[in-house]
Amino acid sequence: MYFCTMKRILFVCHGNICRSPMAEFVMKDLVSKAGRDNEFYIESAATSTEELGNEVYPPARRKLAEHGITCKGKRARQMTRDDYRRFDLLIGMDSWNMRNMLRICGSDPDGKIHMLLDFTSRPGDVADPWYTGNFDATWRDVLEGCQRLLALY
């Protein structure tokens, strides 16, 4: 008999309106296309309170839509200490997010907190389109990170 343990993943960025929701919905799309929906539970959250309740930033929505991905209904929420218990992996978009995630969680005794690009051959920060406006670079980073993450699990 085959038993599947669901992998619970939380993607995290500063405001939960650009990079982390892009990662959430790209990962959901990849998982669905692989026929593995029943193996994953995926969400995203912010480390800050600045955008709470706001929809995904319009240019991020447009970039997802270019690839046939919708994020309809997504609203920014803040990561909580309880998320550490609820999720198997907490994936930050950059080193600043990582510091804030560790502050929120208190520590990382189970080794659950990682940066998205650490799953690729080019570790580092996911390009932040909030400051650059370059959603193409962010798309490439997020897609590669999510593809590698899915390949590992």
C-alpha atoms as a PDB file:
ATOM      1  CA  MET A   1       0.000   0.000   0.000  1.00  0.00           C
ATOM      2  CA  TYR A   2       1.261   3.490  -0.880  1.00  0.00           C
ATOM      3  CA  PHE A   3       1.093   6.295   1.687  1.00  0.00           C
ATOM      4  CA  CYS A   4       1.884   9.852   0.697  1.00  0.00           C
ATOM      5  CA  THR A   5       2.926  12.393   3.280  1.00  0.00           C
ATOM      6  CA  MET A   6       1.830  15.859   2.236  1.00  0.00           C
ATOM      7  CA  LYS A   7       4.684  18.381   2.049  1.00  0.00           C
ATOM      8  CA  ARG A   8       3.605  21.736   3.481  1.00  0.00           C
ATOM      9  CA  ILE A   9       5.500  24.725   2.047  1.00  0.00           C
ATOM     10  CA  LEU A  10       5.283  28.399   3.022  1.00  0.00           C
ATOM     11  CA  PHE A  11       6.960  30.959   0.742  1.00  0.00           C
ATOM     12  CA  VAL A  12       7.889  34.209   2.497  1.00  0.00           C
ATOM     13  CA  CYS A  13       8.923  37.702   1.423  1.00  0.00           C
ATOM     14  CA  HIS A  14       8.651  41.181   2.925  1.00  0.00           C
ATOM     15  CA  GLY A  15       5.119  42.194   1.930  1.00  0.00           C
ATOM     16  CA  ASN A  16       3.539  39.054   0.402  1.00  0.00           C
ATOM     17  CA  ILE A  17       2.452  40.962  -2.691  1.00  0.00           C
ATOM     18  CA  CYS A  18       5.261  40.186  -5.200  1.00  0.00           C
ATOM     19  CA  ARG A  19       7.848  37.443  -4.796  1.00  0.00           C
ATOM     20  CA  SER A  20       6.273  35.053  -2.288  1.00  0.00           C
ATOM     21  CA  PRO A  21       2.852  34.944  -3.974  1.00  0.00           C
ATOM     22  CA  MET A  22       4.606  34.489  -7.316  1.00  0.00           C
ATOM     23  CA  ALA A  23       6.456  31.514  -5.797  1.00  0.00           C
ATOM     24  CA  GLU A  24       3.247  30.186  -4.204  1.00  0.00           C
ATOM     25  CA  PHE A  25       1.309  30.172  -7.467  1.00  0.00           C
ATOM     26  CA  VAL A  26       4.205  29.045  -9.670  1.00  0.00           C
ATOM     27  CA  MET A  27       4.770  26.114  -7.326  1.00  0.00           C
ATOM     28  CA  LYS A  28       1.058  25.274  -7.288  1.00  0.00           C
ATOM     29  CA  ASP A  29       1.060  25.358 -11.098  1.00  0.00           C
ATOM     30  CA  LEU A  30       4.130  23.107 -11.357  1.00  0.00           C
ATOM     31  CA  VAL A  31       2.699  20.666  -8.816  1.00  0.00           C
ATOM     32  CA  SER A  32      -0.632  20.555 -10.659  1.00  0.00           C
ATOM     33  CA  LYS A  33       1.004  20.010 -14.054  1.00  0.00           C
ATOM     34  CA  ALA A  34       3.017  17.156 -12.505  1.00  0.00           C
ATOM     35  CA  GLY A  35      -0.237  15.578 -11.247  1.00  0.00           C
ATOM     36  CA  ARG A  36       0.962  15.852  -7.646  1.00  0.00           C
ATOM     37  CA  ASP A  37      -1.660  18.155  -6.104  1.00  0.00           C
ATOM     38  CA  ASN A  38      -2.416  15.678  -3.322  1.00  0.00           C
ATOM     39  CA  GLU A  39       1.248  15.708  -2.222  1.00  0.00           C
ATOM     40  CA  PHE A  40       1.602  19.423  -1.453  1.00  0.00           C
ATOM     41  CA  TYR A  41      -0.036  22.197   0.539  1.00  0.00           C
ATOM     42  CA  ILE A  42       1.371  25.595  -0.468  1.00  0.00           C
ATOM     43  CA  GLU A  43       0.867  29.128   0.916  1.00  0.00           C
ATOM     44  CA  SER A  44       2.771  32.392   1.130  1.00  0.00           C
ATOM     45  CA  ALA A  45       3.147  35.080   3.773  1.00  0.00           C
ATOM     46  CA  ALA A  46       4.928  38.326   4.670  1.00  0.00           C
ATOM     47  CA  THR A  47       7.403  39.144   7.393  1.00  0.00           C
ATOM     48  CA  SER A  48       6.023  42.704   7.652  1.00  0.00           C
ATOM     49  CA  THR A  49       2.582  44.154   8.306  1.00  0.00           C
ATOM     50  CA  GLU A  50       2.791  46.821   5.572  1.00  0.00           C
ATOM     51  CA  GLU A  51       0.635  45.105   2.953  1.00  0.00           C
ATOM     52  CA  LEU A  52      -1.686  42.958   5.084  1.00  0.00           C
ATOM     53  CA  GLY A  53      -4.973  42.290   3.317  1.00  0.00           C
ATOM     54  CA  ASN A  54      -3.768  43.712  -0.004  1.00  0.00           C
ATOM     55  CA  GLU A  55      -4.036  41.804  -3.262  1.00  0.00           C
ATOM     56  CA  VAL A  56      -0.998  40.671  -5.231  1.00  0.00           C
ATOM     57  CA  TYR A  57       0.782  43.669  -6.792  1.00  0.00           C
ATOM     58  CA  PRO A  58      -0.644  44.249 -10.308  1.00  0.00           C
ATOM     59  CA  PRO A  59       2.664  43.772 -12.205  1.00  0.00           C
ATOM     60  CA  ALA A  60       3.196  40.451 -10.374  1.00  0.00           C
ATOM     61  CA  ARG A  61      -0.358  39.397 -11.284  1.00  0.00           C
ATOM     62  CA  ARG A  62       0.308  40.316 -14.907  1.00  0.00           C
ATOM     63  CA  LYS A  63       3.571  38.349 -14.987  1.00  0.00           C
ATOM     64  CA  LEU A  64       1.800  35.254 -13.632  1.00  0.00           C
ATOM     65  CA  ALA A  65      -1.066  35.745 -16.112  1.00  0.00           C
ATOM     66  CA  GLU A  66       1.444  35.871 -18.998  1.00  0.00           C
ATOM     67  CA  HIS A  67       2.198  32.256 -18.094  1.00  0.00           C
ATOM     68  CA  GLY A  68      -1.428  31.231 -17.625  1.00  0.00           C
ATOM     69  CA  ILE A  69      -1.286  31.349 -13.826  1.00  0.00           C
ATOM     70  CA  THR A  70      -3.925  33.063 -11.702  1.00  0.00           C
ATOM     71  CA  CYS A  71      -3.570  34.261  -8.128  1.00  0.00           C
ATOM     72  CA  LYS A  72      -7.182  35.403  -7.809  1.00  0.00           C
ATOM     73  CA  GLY A  73      -8.315  35.862  -4.240  1.00  0.00           C
ATOM     74  CA  LYS A  74      -4.815  35.966  -2.719  1.00  0.00           C
ATOM     75  CA  ARG A  75      -4.450  38.563   0.025  1.00  0.00           C
ATOM     76  CA  ALA A  76      -1.280  39.341   1.935  1.00  0.00           C
ATOM     77  CA  ARG A  77      -0.958  37.802   5.374  1.00  0.00           C
ATOM     78  CA  GLN A  78       1.802  37.920   7.953  1.00  0.00           C
ATOM     79  CA  MET A  79       3.856  34.896   8.921  1.00  0.00           C
ATOM     80  CA  THR A  80       3.365  33.773  12.511  1.00  0.00           C
ATOM     81  CA  ARG A  81       5.392  31.742  14.961  1.00  0.00           C
ATOM     82  CA  ASP A  82       2.781  28.989  14.597  1.00  0.00           C
ATOM     83  CA  ASP A  83       3.649  28.688  10.886  1.00  0.00           C
ATOM     84  CA  TYR A  84       6.895  27.037  11.954  1.00  0.00           C
ATOM     85  CA  ARG A  85       4.867  24.196  13.429  1.00  0.00           C
ATOM     86  CA  ARG A  86       2.344  24.075  10.563  1.00  0.00           C
ATOM     87  CA  PHE A  87       4.798  23.936   7.638  1.00  0.00           C
ATOM     88  CA  ASP A  88       7.593  21.522   6.697  1.00  0.00           C
ATOM     89  CA  LEU A  89       9.518  24.136   4.723  1.00  0.00           C
ATOM     90  CA  LEU A  90       9.571  27.902   5.126  1.00  0.00           C
ATOM     91  CA  ILE A  91      11.195  29.399   2.039  1.00  0.00           C
ATOM     92  CA  GLY A  92      12.475  32.983   2.127  1.00  0.00           C
ATOM     93  CA  MET A  93      13.156  35.076  -0.949  1.00  0.00           C
ATOM     94  CA  ASP A  94      16.240  36.904   0.366  1.00  0.00           C
ATOM     95  CA  SER A  95      18.646  37.198   3.287  1.00  0.00           C
ATOM     96  CA  TRP A  96      16.658  40.031   4.880  1.00  0.00           C
ATOM     97  CA  ASN A  97      13.531  37.814   4.859  1.00  0.00           C
ATOM     98  CA  MET A  98      15.580  35.025   6.433  1.00  0.00           C
ATOM     99  CA  ARG A  99      16.606  37.240   9.366  1.00  0.00           C
ATOM    100  CA  ASN A 100      12.997  38.316   9.901  1.00  0.00           C
ATOM    101  CA  MET A 101      11.710  34.729   9.606  1.00  0.00           C
ATOM    102  CA  LEU A 102      14.166  33.601  12.282  1.00  0.00           C
ATOM    103  CA  ARG A 103      13.100  36.523  14.467  1.00  0.00           C
ATOM    104  CA  ILE A 104       9.414  35.594  14.076  1.00  0.00           C
ATOM    105  CA  CYS A 105      10.023  31.869  14.678  1.00  0.00           C
ATOM    106  CA  GLY A 106      12.560  32.380  17.450  1.00  0.00           C
ATOM    107  CA  SER A 107      14.982  29.881  15.883  1.00  0.00           C
ATOM    108  CA  ASP A 108      15.122  27.018  13.386  1.00  0.00           C
ATOM    109  CA  PRO A 109      15.744  23.857  15.445  1.00  0.00           C
ATOM    110  CA  ASP A 110      14.330  21.552  12.739  1.00  0.00           C
ATOM    111  CA  GLY A 111      16.184  23.104   9.793  1.00  0.00           C
ATOM    112  CA  LYS A 112      12.977  24.119   8.017  1.00  0.00           C
ATOM    113  CA  ILE A 113      13.990  27.643   6.950  1.00  0.00           C
ATOM    114  CA  HIS A 114      15.757  28.023   3.581  1.00  0.00           C
ATOM    115  CA  MET A 115      16.201  30.538   0.779  1.00  0.00           C
ATOM    116  CA  LEU A 116      14.512  29.632  -2.512  1.00  0.00           C
ATOM    117  CA  LEU A 117      17.611  29.955  -4.651  1.00  0.00           C
ATOM    118  CA  ASP A 118      19.561  27.701  -2.275  1.00  0.00           C
ATOM    119  CA  PHE A 119      17.803  24.853  -4.090  1.00  0.00           C
ATOM    120  CA  THR A 120      19.484  25.940  -7.356  1.00  0.00           C
ATOM    121  CA  SER A 121      23.073  26.020  -8.581  1.00  0.00           C
ATOM    122  CA  ARG A 122      23.143  29.790  -7.936  1.00  0.00           C
ATOM    123  CA  PRO A 123      22.264  30.476  -4.296  1.00  0.00           C
ATOM    124  CA  GLY A 124      21.387  34.031  -3.325  1.00  0.00           C
ATOM    125  CA  ASP A 125      18.519  36.475  -3.239  1.00  0.00           C
ATOM    126  CA  VAL A 126      15.512  36.295  -5.559  1.00  0.00           C
ATOM    127  CA  ALA A 127      15.447  39.517  -7.587  1.00  0.00           C
ATOM    128  CA  ASP A 128      13.177  42.043  -5.853  1.00  0.00           C
ATOM    129  CA  PRO A 129      10.903  43.665  -8.452  1.00  0.00           C
ATOM    130  CA  TRP A 130       9.514  46.159  -5.943  1.00  0.00           C
ATOM    131  CA  TYR A 131      12.686  48.209  -6.348  1.00  0.00           C
ATOM    132  CA  THR A 132      13.790  47.281  -9.865  1.00  0.00           C
ATOM    133  CA  GLY A 133      10.488  46.836 -11.681  1.00  0.00           C
ATOM    134  CA  ASN A 134      12.120  43.837 -13.383  1.00  0.00           C
ATOM    135  CA  PHE A 135       9.468  41.161 -13.024  1.00  0.00           C
ATOM    136  CA  ASP A 136      11.156  39.079 -15.745  1.00  0.00           C
ATOM    137  CA  ALA A 137      14.220  38.526 -13.518  1.00  0.00           C
ATOM    138  CA  THR A 138      11.973  37.674 -10.589  1.00  0.00           C
ATOM    139  CA  TRP A 139       9.993  35.248 -12.759  1.00  0.00           C
ATOM    140  CA  ARG A 140      13.202  33.458 -13.827  1.00  0.00           C
ATOM    141  CA  ASP A 141      14.460  33.186 -10.231  1.00  0.00           C
ATOM    142  CA  VAL A 142      11.123  31.975  -8.879  1.00  0.00           C
ATOM    143  CA  LEU A 143      10.557  29.482 -11.686  1.00  0.00           C
ATOM    144  CA  GLU A 144      14.032  27.959 -11.373  1.00  0.00           C
ATOM    145  CA  GLY A 145      13.809  27.770  -7.584  1.00  0.00           C
ATOM    146  CA  CYS A 146      10.373  26.150  -7.651  1.00  0.00           C
ATOM    147  CA  GLN A 147      11.358  23.678 -10.383  1.00  0.00           C
ATOM    148  CA  ARG A 148      14.399  22.564  -8.367  1.00  0.00           C
ATOM    149  CA  LEU A 149      12.370  22.386  -5.155  1.00  0.00           C
ATOM    150  CA  LEU A 150       9.743  20.198  -6.815  1.00  0.00           C
ATOM    151  CA  ALA A 151      12.465  17.954  -8.270  1.00  0.00           C
ATOM    152  CA  LEU A 152      13.789  17.369  -4.724  1.00  0.00           C
ATOM    153  CA  TYR A 153      10.418  16.420  -3.274  1.00  0.00           C
END
